[in-house]
């Protein structure tokens, strides 16, 4: 599983519409409206790196109103929730 965090700047008049359209893209697990320099943060969860290109470059970046994106790919998960889920599936480490 590949997880990426996509920081998104949008046309301010289309933030809710962009968030809704982005949330409907395959591979996008969550979309948050946030304060600060960015308008939205999307969490992408896909099975392989190539799927990120489909979700982000081919779809998300082409949503009307999206002006800029920066993507951060996660290397490792440390949250208790994710670790508990992995061990409950029989993950051996």
C-alpha atoms as a PDB file:
ATOM      1  CA  UNK A   1       0.000   0.000   0.000  1.00  0.00           C
ATOM      2  CA  UNK A   2       1.335   3.423  -0.972  1.00  0.00           C
ATOM      3  CA  UNK A   3       0.103   6.443   0.962  1.00  0.00           C
ATOM      4  CA  UNK A   4       0.593  10.010  -0.228  1.00  0.00           C
ATOM      5  CA  UNK A   5      -0.489  13.382   1.107  1.00  0.00           C
ATOM      6  CA  UNK A   6      -1.441  15.897  -1.568  1.00  0.00           C
ATOM      7  CA  UNK A   7      -1.424  19.574  -0.600  1.00  0.00           C
ATOM      8  CA  UNK A   8      -3.775  21.455  -2.932  1.00  0.00           C
ATOM      9  CA  UNK A   9      -4.285  25.137  -3.751  1.00  0.00           C
ATOM     10  CA  UNK A  10      -7.585  25.942  -5.437  1.00  0.00           C
ATOM     11  CA  UNK A  11      -9.556  28.850  -6.783  1.00  0.00           C
ATOM     12  CA  UNK A  12     -11.054  30.086  -3.493  1.00  0.00           C
ATOM     13  CA  UNK A  13     -14.540  30.203  -4.992  1.00  0.00           C
ATOM     14  CA  UNK A  14     -14.397  26.456  -5.771  1.00  0.00           C
ATOM     15  CA  UNK A  15     -12.973  24.924  -2.594  1.00  0.00           C
ATOM     16  CA  UNK A  16     -16.089  22.853  -1.715  1.00  0.00           C
ATOM     17  CA  UNK A  17     -16.628  21.744  -5.330  1.00  0.00           C
ATOM     18  CA  UNK A  18     -12.964  20.798  -5.734  1.00  0.00           C
ATOM     19  CA  UNK A  19     -13.025  18.853  -2.468  1.00  0.00           C
ATOM     20  CA  UNK A  20     -16.117  16.922  -3.561  1.00  0.00           C
ATOM     21  CA  UNK A  21     -14.743  16.112  -7.026  1.00  0.00           C
ATOM     22  CA  UNK A  22     -11.363  15.068  -5.603  1.00  0.00           C
ATOM     23  CA  UNK A  23     -13.015  12.819  -3.009  1.00  0.00           C
ATOM     24  CA  UNK A  24     -14.684  10.872  -5.836  1.00  0.00           C
ATOM     25  CA  UNK A  25     -11.383   9.985  -7.553  1.00  0.00           C
ATOM     26  CA  UNK A  26     -10.345   6.326  -7.269  1.00  0.00           C
ATOM     27  CA  UNK A  27      -7.390   6.121  -4.903  1.00  0.00           C
ATOM     28  CA  UNK A  28      -8.307   9.215  -2.884  1.00  0.00           C
ATOM     29  CA  UNK A  29      -9.246   8.063   0.604  1.00  0.00           C
ATOM     30  CA  UNK A  30      -9.893  11.394   2.307  1.00  0.00           C
ATOM     31  CA  UNK A  31      -9.992  15.127   1.584  1.00  0.00           C
ATOM     32  CA  UNK A  32      -9.637  17.801   4.260  1.00  0.00           C
ATOM     33  CA  UNK A  33     -10.270  21.534   4.106  1.00  0.00           C
ATOM     34  CA  UNK A  34      -7.438  23.151   6.065  1.00  0.00           C
ATOM     35  CA  UNK A  35      -6.114  26.506   7.217  1.00  0.00           C
ATOM     36  CA  UNK A  36      -2.835  28.007   6.094  1.00  0.00           C
ATOM     37  CA  UNK A  37      -1.040  28.140   2.765  1.00  0.00           C
ATOM     38  CA  UNK A  38      -2.997  25.231   1.247  1.00  0.00           C
ATOM     39  CA  UNK A  39      -6.760  24.971   0.797  1.00  0.00           C
ATOM     40  CA  UNK A  40      -7.148  21.180   0.831  1.00  0.00           C
ATOM     41  CA  UNK A  41      -5.147  18.111   1.792  1.00  0.00           C
ATOM     42  CA  UNK A  42      -6.019  14.808   0.140  1.00  0.00           C
ATOM     43  CA  UNK A  43      -4.864  11.415   1.345  1.00  0.00           C
ATOM     44  CA  UNK A  44      -4.208   8.975  -1.485  1.00  0.00           C
ATOM     45  CA  UNK A  45      -3.963   5.256  -0.785  1.00  0.00           C
ATOM     46  CA  UNK A  46      -3.115   3.072  -3.753  1.00  0.00           C
ATOM     47  CA  UNK A  47      -1.593  -0.355  -4.292  1.00  0.00           C
ATOM     48  CA  UNK A  48       1.437   0.789  -6.296  1.00  0.00           C
ATOM     49  CA  UNK A  49       3.328   3.963  -7.171  1.00  0.00           C
ATOM     50  CA  UNK A  50       2.100   3.941 -10.766  1.00  0.00           C
ATOM     51  CA  UNK A  51      -1.461   4.344  -9.471  1.00  0.00           C
ATOM     52  CA  UNK A  52      -0.456   7.683  -7.956  1.00  0.00           C
ATOM     53  CA  UNK A  53       0.133   9.036 -11.461  1.00  0.00           C
ATOM     54  CA  UNK A  54      -3.393   8.014 -12.433  1.00  0.00           C
ATOM     55  CA  UNK A  55      -5.001   9.522  -9.339  1.00  0.00           C
ATOM     56  CA  UNK A  56      -2.938  12.681  -8.955  1.00  0.00           C
ATOM     57  CA  UNK A  57      -1.378  13.718 -12.271  1.00  0.00           C
ATOM     58  CA  UNK A  58      -4.104  12.423 -14.568  1.00  0.00           C
ATOM     59  CA  UNK A  59      -7.200  13.205 -12.484  1.00  0.00           C
ATOM     60  CA  UNK A  60      -6.755  15.348  -9.359  1.00  0.00           C
ATOM     61  CA  UNK A  61      -4.589  18.010 -10.984  1.00  0.00           C
ATOM     62  CA  UNK A  62      -7.150  18.369 -13.792  1.00  0.00           C
ATOM     63  CA  UNK A  63     -10.132  19.087 -11.529  1.00  0.00           C
ATOM     64  CA  UNK A  64     -11.463  22.549 -12.477  1.00  0.00           C
ATOM     65  CA  UNK A  65     -10.254  25.049  -9.889  1.00  0.00           C
ATOM     66  CA  UNK A  66      -7.121  23.156  -8.813  1.00  0.00           C
ATOM     67  CA  UNK A  67      -4.260  25.611  -9.222  1.00  0.00           C
ATOM     68  CA  UNK A  68      -1.262  23.860  -7.630  1.00  0.00           C
ATOM     69  CA  UNK A  69      -0.374  20.636  -5.833  1.00  0.00           C
ATOM     70  CA  UNK A  70       2.540  19.255  -3.859  1.00  0.00           C
ATOM     71  CA  UNK A  71       2.672  15.544  -3.128  1.00  0.00           C
ATOM     72  CA  UNK A  72       4.440  13.883  -0.196  1.00  0.00           C
ATOM     73  CA  UNK A  73       4.798  10.092  -0.314  1.00  0.00           C
ATOM     74  CA  UNK A  74       4.871   8.322   3.054  1.00  0.00           C
ATOM     75  CA  UNK A  75       7.763   5.928   3.686  1.00  0.00           C
ATOM     76  CA  UNK A  76       6.551   4.304   6.892  1.00  0.00           C
ATOM     77  CA  UNK A  77       3.511   4.369   9.182  1.00  0.00           C
ATOM     78  CA  UNK A  78       3.908   4.828  12.914  1.00  0.00           C
ATOM     79  CA  UNK A  79       0.333   5.440  14.062  1.00  0.00           C
ATOM     80  CA  UNK A  80      -1.049   2.948  16.578  1.00  0.00           C
ATOM     81  CA  UNK A  81      -4.243   2.486  14.558  1.00  0.00           C
ATOM     82  CA  UNK A  82      -2.372   1.351  11.436  1.00  0.00           C
ATOM     83  CA  UNK A  83       0.038  -0.861  13.382  1.00  0.00           C
ATOM     84  CA  UNK A  84      -2.839  -2.554  15.233  1.00  0.00           C
ATOM     85  CA  UNK A  85      -4.608  -3.179  11.904  1.00  0.00           C
ATOM     86  CA  UNK A  86      -1.458  -4.714  10.408  1.00  0.00           C
ATOM     87  CA  UNK A  87      -0.963  -7.085  13.356  1.00  0.00           C
ATOM     88  CA  UNK A  88      -4.621  -8.124  13.329  1.00  0.00           C
ATOM     89  CA  UNK A  89      -4.108  -9.251   9.700  1.00  0.00           C
ATOM     90  CA  UNK A  90      -1.206 -11.470  10.713  1.00  0.00           C
ATOM     91  CA  UNK A  91       1.580  -9.121   9.619  1.00  0.00           C
ATOM     92  CA  UNK A  92       4.884 -10.603  10.759  1.00  0.00           C
ATOM     93  CA  UNK A  93       7.011  -7.465  10.522  1.00  0.00           C
END
